[in-house]
N, C-alpha and C. Protein backbone atom coordinates (compact mmCIF):
# COMPACT_ATOMS: atom_id res chain seq x y z
N UNK A 1 -33.86 47.02 -35.20
CA UNK A 1 -33.58 47.59 -33.89
C UNK A 1 -33.86 49.23 -33.93
N UNK A 2 -34.96 49.80 -33.21
CA UNK A 2 -35.35 51.11 -33.22
C UNK A 2 -34.45 51.91 -32.26
N UNK A 3 -33.85 52.75 -32.93
CA UNK A 3 -32.71 53.54 -31.81
C UNK A 3 -33.24 55.02 -31.56
N UNK A 4 -33.12 55.48 -30.43
CA UNK A 4 -33.75 56.75 -29.78
C UNK A 4 -32.84 57.23 -28.63
N UNK A 5 -32.54 58.39 -28.88
CA UNK A 5 -31.70 59.09 -27.80
C UNK A 5 -32.68 59.63 -26.80
N UNK A 6 -33.96 59.81 -27.14
CA UNK A 6 -34.93 60.10 -26.11
C UNK A 6 -36.03 58.90 -25.89
N UNK A 7 -36.06 58.36 -24.59
CA UNK A 7 -37.30 57.56 -24.55
C UNK A 7 -38.46 58.12 -24.46
N UNK A 8 -39.55 57.17 -24.99
CA UNK A 8 -41.03 58.05 -24.89
C UNK A 8 -41.36 58.28 -23.18
N UNK A 9 -42.42 59.36 -23.05
CA UNK A 9 -42.51 59.33 -21.80
C UNK A 9 -43.46 58.31 -21.37
N UNK A 10 -43.88 58.33 -19.98
CA UNK A 10 -44.86 57.28 -19.63
C UNK A 10 -45.86 57.48 -20.28
N UNK A 11 -46.53 58.51 -20.48
CA UNK A 11 -47.86 59.01 -20.98
C UNK A 11 -47.77 58.24 -22.35
N UNK A 12 -46.87 58.45 -23.37
CA UNK A 12 -46.91 57.72 -24.34
C UNK A 12 -46.93 56.37 -24.37
N UNK A 13 -46.18 55.84 -23.46
CA UNK A 13 -45.95 54.29 -23.44
C UNK A 13 -47.43 53.69 -22.81
N UNK A 14 -48.20 54.47 -22.19
CA UNK A 14 -49.07 53.64 -21.81
C UNK A 14 -50.45 54.19 -22.20
N UNK A 15 -50.29 54.75 -23.64
CA UNK A 15 -51.43 55.32 -24.24
C UNK A 15 -52.28 53.81 -24.95
N UNK A 16 -53.29 54.21 -25.07
CA UNK A 16 -53.93 52.91 -25.63
C UNK A 16 -53.60 52.57 -26.85
N UNK A 17 -53.15 53.24 -28.03
CA UNK A 17 -52.55 52.68 -29.10
C UNK A 17 -51.39 51.62 -29.03
N UNK A 18 -50.68 52.04 -27.82
CA UNK A 18 -49.30 51.29 -27.86
C UNK A 18 -49.57 50.08 -26.55
N UNK A 19 -50.51 50.24 -25.66
CA UNK A 19 -50.79 49.44 -24.82
C UNK A 19 -50.91 48.03 -25.31
N UNK A 20 -51.47 47.84 -26.55
CA UNK A 20 -51.73 46.57 -27.34
C UNK A 20 -50.45 46.09 -27.82
N UNK A 21 -49.85 46.85 -28.29
CA UNK A 21 -48.47 46.49 -28.87
C UNK A 21 -47.21 46.22 -27.71
N UNK A 22 -47.29 47.10 -26.90
CA UNK A 22 -46.09 46.93 -25.99
C UNK A 22 -46.49 46.88 -24.67
N UNK A 23 -46.36 45.93 -23.78
CA UNK A 23 -46.61 45.63 -22.46
C UNK A 23 -45.91 46.54 -21.81
N UNK A 24 -44.62 47.12 -22.08
CA UNK A 24 -43.88 47.95 -21.26
C UNK A 24 -42.63 48.20 -22.37
N UNK A 25 -41.97 49.56 -22.05
CA UNK A 25 -40.85 49.97 -23.05
C UNK A 25 -39.80 49.83 -22.03
N UNK A 26 -38.67 49.43 -22.80
CA UNK A 26 -37.37 49.41 -22.14
C UNK A 26 -36.40 50.31 -22.72
N UNK A 27 -35.68 50.91 -22.27
CA UNK A 27 -34.73 51.95 -22.68
C UNK A 27 -33.25 51.97 -22.01
N UNK A 28 -32.56 51.76 -22.60
CA UNK A 28 -31.00 51.75 -21.92
C UNK A 28 -30.32 53.02 -22.64
N UNK A 29 -29.95 53.85 -21.94
CA UNK A 29 -29.16 55.31 -22.29
C UNK A 29 -27.89 55.17 -21.50
N UNK A 30 -27.01 55.49 -22.20
CA UNK A 30 -25.58 55.60 -21.58
C UNK A 30 -25.05 56.98 -21.24
N UNK A 31 -24.75 57.38 -20.01
CA UNK A 31 -24.28 58.48 -19.41
C UNK A 31 -22.68 58.44 -19.61
N UNK A 32 -22.25 59.15 -20.79
CA UNK A 32 -20.43 59.13 -20.68
C UNK A 32 -19.95 60.20 -19.92
N UNK A 33 -20.67 60.96 -19.28
CA UNK A 33 -19.98 62.03 -18.61
C UNK A 33 -19.70 61.44 -17.03
N UNK A 34 -20.42 60.34 -16.60
CA UNK A 34 -20.06 59.73 -15.53
C UNK A 34 -19.00 58.93 -15.63
N UNK A 35 -19.03 57.85 -16.52
CA UNK A 35 -18.11 56.99 -16.98
C UNK A 35 -18.64 56.32 -18.33
N UNK A 36 -17.55 55.76 -19.02
CA UNK A 36 -18.04 55.11 -20.45
C UNK A 36 -18.75 53.99 -20.20
N UNK A 37 -19.09 53.39 -18.89
CA UNK A 37 -19.74 52.58 -18.78
C UNK A 37 -20.93 52.55 -17.80
N UNK A 38 -21.38 53.63 -17.48
CA UNK A 38 -22.39 53.99 -16.93
C UNK A 38 -23.71 53.83 -17.81
N UNK A 39 -24.81 53.47 -17.11
CA UNK A 39 -25.92 53.42 -18.12
C UNK A 39 -27.18 53.81 -17.20
N UNK A 40 -27.87 54.56 -17.97
CA UNK A 40 -29.43 54.92 -17.17
C UNK A 40 -30.31 54.09 -17.95
N UNK A 41 -31.18 53.75 -16.84
CA UNK A 41 -32.44 52.74 -17.37
C UNK A 41 -33.66 53.19 -16.96
N UNK A 42 -34.59 53.12 -17.96
CA UNK A 42 -35.91 53.44 -17.39
C UNK A 42 -36.95 52.34 -18.00
N UNK A 43 -37.99 52.15 -16.93
CA UNK A 43 -38.98 51.21 -17.39
C UNK A 43 -40.25 51.81 -17.46
N UNK A 44 -40.99 51.82 -18.67
CA UNK A 44 -42.24 52.40 -18.66
C UNK A 44 -43.28 51.33 -18.67
N UNK A 45 -44.23 51.36 -17.83
CA UNK A 45 -45.48 50.33 -17.71
C UNK A 45 -46.52 50.82 -18.48
N UNK A 46 -47.10 49.71 -18.79
CA UNK A 46 -48.52 50.10 -19.58
C UNK A 46 -49.55 50.50 -18.59
N UNK A 47 -49.66 50.02 -17.33
CA UNK A 47 -50.63 49.76 -16.26
C UNK A 47 -50.90 51.32 -15.61
N UNK A 48 -49.68 51.52 -15.17
CA UNK A 48 -49.68 53.02 -14.18
C UNK A 48 -48.48 53.41 -14.09
N UNK A 49 -48.35 54.92 -14.41
CA UNK A 49 -47.20 55.54 -13.93
C UNK A 49 -46.39 55.82 -12.84
N UNK A 50 -46.94 55.11 -11.69
CA UNK A 50 -46.76 54.74 -10.44
C UNK A 50 -45.50 53.57 -10.66
N UNK A 51 -45.59 52.68 -11.67
CA UNK A 51 -44.79 51.61 -11.81
C UNK A 51 -43.41 52.07 -12.77
N UNK A 52 -43.16 53.51 -12.95
CA UNK A 52 -41.95 53.79 -13.59
C UNK A 52 -40.74 53.71 -12.73
N UNK A 53 -39.72 53.05 -13.17
CA UNK A 53 -38.37 53.33 -12.64
C UNK A 53 -37.32 53.87 -13.37
N UNK A 54 -36.59 54.79 -12.75
CA UNK A 54 -35.37 54.92 -13.37
C UNK A 54 -34.20 55.32 -12.56
N UNK A 55 -33.24 55.30 -13.05
CA UNK A 55 -31.96 55.45 -12.31
C UNK A 55 -30.59 55.49 -13.17
N UNK A 56 -29.73 55.96 -12.46
CA UNK A 56 -28.31 55.86 -13.45
C UNK A 56 -27.37 55.23 -12.09
N UNK A 57 -26.63 54.25 -12.70
CA UNK A 57 -25.55 53.70 -11.77
C UNK A 57 -24.41 53.18 -12.53
N UNK A 58 -23.32 53.68 -12.24
CA UNK A 58 -22.00 53.60 -12.69
C UNK A 58 -21.71 51.98 -12.51
N UNK A 59 -22.12 51.65 -11.23
CA UNK A 59 -21.51 50.20 -10.68
C UNK A 59 -22.54 49.04 -11.26
N UNK A 60 -23.85 49.60 -11.71
CA UNK A 60 -24.88 48.61 -12.45
C UNK A 60 -25.74 48.09 -11.06
N UNK A 61 -25.32 48.41 -9.90
CA UNK A 61 -25.93 47.72 -8.66
C UNK A 61 -27.42 48.25 -8.70
N UNK A 62 -27.70 49.32 -9.16
CA UNK A 62 -29.38 49.50 -9.44
C UNK A 62 -29.97 48.90 -10.50
N UNK A 63 -29.32 48.68 -11.59
CA UNK A 63 -29.88 47.82 -12.52
C UNK A 63 -30.15 46.39 -11.99
N UNK A 64 -29.33 45.84 -11.25
CA UNK A 64 -29.32 44.41 -10.70
C UNK A 64 -30.74 44.47 -9.63
N UNK A 65 -30.69 45.52 -8.63
CA UNK A 65 -31.88 45.48 -7.82
C UNK A 65 -33.19 45.44 -8.77
N UNK A 66 -33.23 46.71 -9.49
CA UNK A 66 -34.40 46.73 -10.23
C UNK A 66 -35.03 45.62 -11.09
N UNK A 67 -34.09 44.93 -11.64
CA UNK A 67 -34.44 43.83 -12.53
C UNK A 67 -34.61 42.24 -11.41
N UNK A 68 -34.40 42.61 -10.37
CA UNK A 68 -34.66 41.42 -9.56
C UNK A 68 -33.33 40.58 -9.31
N UNK A 69 -32.13 40.91 -9.70
CA UNK A 69 -31.21 40.14 -9.49
C UNK A 69 -30.40 40.69 -8.20
N UNK A 70 -30.08 39.73 -7.52
CA UNK A 70 -29.42 40.08 -6.05
C UNK A 70 -28.06 40.94 -6.41
N UNK A 71 -27.35 40.33 -7.45
CA UNK A 71 -26.00 40.73 -7.96
C UNK A 71 -26.05 40.45 -9.39
N UNK A 72 -25.25 41.23 -9.98
CA UNK A 72 -25.24 41.08 -11.58
C UNK A 72 -24.81 42.44 -12.21
N UNK A 73 -24.41 42.24 -13.55
CA UNK A 73 -24.08 43.27 -14.20
C UNK A 73 -25.16 43.89 -15.43
N UNK A 74 -24.78 44.97 -15.76
CA UNK A 74 -25.80 45.25 -16.87
C UNK A 74 -25.97 44.65 -18.10
N UNK A 75 -24.93 43.51 -18.46
CA UNK A 75 -25.15 42.80 -19.69
C UNK A 75 -26.16 41.79 -18.96
N UNK A 76 -26.11 41.01 -17.91
CA UNK A 76 -27.19 40.30 -17.48
C UNK A 76 -28.63 40.97 -17.37
N UNK A 77 -28.67 42.06 -17.02
CA UNK A 77 -30.08 42.61 -16.91
C UNK A 77 -30.55 43.04 -18.38
N UNK A 78 -29.65 43.37 -19.32
CA UNK A 78 -30.16 43.52 -20.59
C UNK A 78 -30.38 42.05 -21.43
N UNK A 79 -29.61 41.08 -21.17
CA UNK A 79 -30.11 39.44 -21.50
C UNK A 79 -31.35 39.17 -20.99
N UNK A 80 -31.54 39.51 -19.79
CA UNK A 80 -32.69 38.82 -19.11
C UNK A 80 -33.92 39.53 -19.64
N UNK A 81 -34.07 40.77 -19.78
CA UNK A 81 -35.05 41.74 -20.23
C UNK A 81 -35.41 41.69 -21.59
N UNK A 82 -34.46 41.67 -22.24
CA UNK A 82 -34.37 41.31 -23.81
C UNK A 82 -35.13 39.71 -24.43
N UNK A 83 -34.67 38.82 -23.43
CA UNK A 83 -35.20 37.48 -23.67
C UNK A 83 -36.73 37.43 -23.20
N UNK A 84 -37.33 38.38 -22.89
CA UNK A 84 -38.92 38.24 -22.58
C UNK A 84 -39.71 38.85 -24.01
N UNK A 85 -39.06 39.15 -24.85
CA UNK A 85 -39.46 39.53 -25.98
C UNK A 85 -40.34 40.83 -26.02
N UNK A 86 -40.34 41.81 -24.86
CA UNK A 86 -41.09 42.82 -24.77
C UNK A 86 -40.48 43.92 -24.97
N UNK A 87 -39.05 43.97 -25.49
CA UNK A 87 -38.11 45.36 -25.43
C UNK A 87 -38.72 46.03 -26.78
N UNK A 88 -39.00 47.14 -26.78
CA UNK A 88 -39.46 48.04 -28.01
C UNK A 88 -38.13 48.64 -28.26
N UNK A 89 -37.48 49.35 -27.39
CA UNK A 89 -36.49 50.37 -27.70
C UNK A 89 -35.09 50.27 -26.90
N UNK A 90 -33.97 50.21 -27.56
CA UNK A 90 -32.69 50.29 -26.70
C UNK A 90 -31.80 51.09 -27.55
N UNK A 91 -31.39 52.19 -26.61
CA UNK A 91 -30.57 53.28 -27.33
C UNK A 91 -29.21 53.24 -26.50
N UNK A 92 -28.17 53.44 -27.19
CA UNK A 92 -26.80 53.56 -26.56
C UNK A 92 -26.18 54.26 -27.33
N UNK A 93 -24.65 54.54 -26.63
CA UNK A 93 -23.53 55.13 -27.32
C UNK A 93 -22.28 55.14 -26.32
N UNK A 94 -21.40 55.64 -26.92
CA UNK A 94 -20.03 55.77 -26.00
C UNK A 94 -19.58 54.35 -25.70
N UNK A 95 -19.12 54.00 -24.60
CA UNK A 95 -18.56 52.60 -24.05
C UNK A 95 -19.51 51.65 -24.46
N UNK A 96 -20.52 51.89 -24.20
CA UNK A 96 -21.57 50.56 -24.02
C UNK A 96 -22.64 50.96 -25.43
N UNK A 97 -22.50 50.72 -26.36
CA UNK A 97 -22.99 51.08 -27.55
C UNK A 97 -24.07 50.20 -28.05
N UNK A 98 -24.92 50.64 -29.12
CA UNK A 98 -26.01 49.71 -29.33
C UNK A 98 -25.73 48.38 -29.93
N UNK A 99 -24.37 48.06 -30.63
CA UNK A 99 -24.08 47.13 -31.32
C UNK A 99 -23.56 46.22 -30.21
N UNK A 100 -23.24 46.48 -28.98
CA UNK A 100 -22.71 45.93 -27.95
C UNK A 100 -23.99 45.08 -26.91
N UNK A 101 -24.89 46.06 -26.97
CA UNK A 101 -26.19 45.82 -26.30
C UNK A 101 -27.13 44.79 -27.32
N UNK A 102 -26.99 44.99 -28.43
CA UNK A 102 -27.81 44.08 -29.58
C UNK A 102 -26.97 42.72 -29.24
N UNK A 103 -26.04 42.63 -29.47
CA UNK A 103 -24.98 41.24 -29.22
C UNK A 103 -25.23 40.59 -27.64
N UNK A 104 -25.36 41.58 -26.81
CA UNK A 104 -25.45 41.09 -25.29
C UNK A 104 -26.88 40.25 -25.25
N UNK A 105 -28.07 41.15 -25.80
CA UNK A 105 -29.19 40.49 -25.88
C UNK A 105 -29.46 39.40 -26.92
N UNK A 106 -28.53 38.80 -27.32
CA UNK A 106 -28.65 37.75 -28.35
C UNK A 106 -29.41 38.08 -29.61
N UNK A 107 -29.33 39.22 -29.88
CA UNK A 107 -30.03 39.79 -31.38
C UNK A 107 -31.38 39.66 -31.38
N UNK A 108 -31.97 39.64 -30.25
CA UNK A 108 -33.34 39.42 -30.00
C UNK A 108 -34.30 40.73 -30.13
N UNK A 109 -33.26 41.68 -30.34
CA UNK A 109 -34.10 43.23 -30.27
C UNK A 109 -34.20 43.55 -31.71
């Protein structure tokens, strides 16, 4: 598992060298200043910077909306995205740490 506190920029994620290897980059970063369970999520797509989505949501509602879940938790979002096999990087800390994210994703990262 690759761990980083600074997710790559959209430009880096959409570079020609990374495009062949990674359809998109998914990063999960905790924000312990809001609450131990607040998570910031950013999706970086290969095709266009216009498809970038980023947000912070203590209640995880935005995660559910961005991942297409009508309702759900950060755990469900992580499981769903990790199961696609296109996860390059997940970083975390505080109350929602790397070990928990890895476990929730079924060890696929």
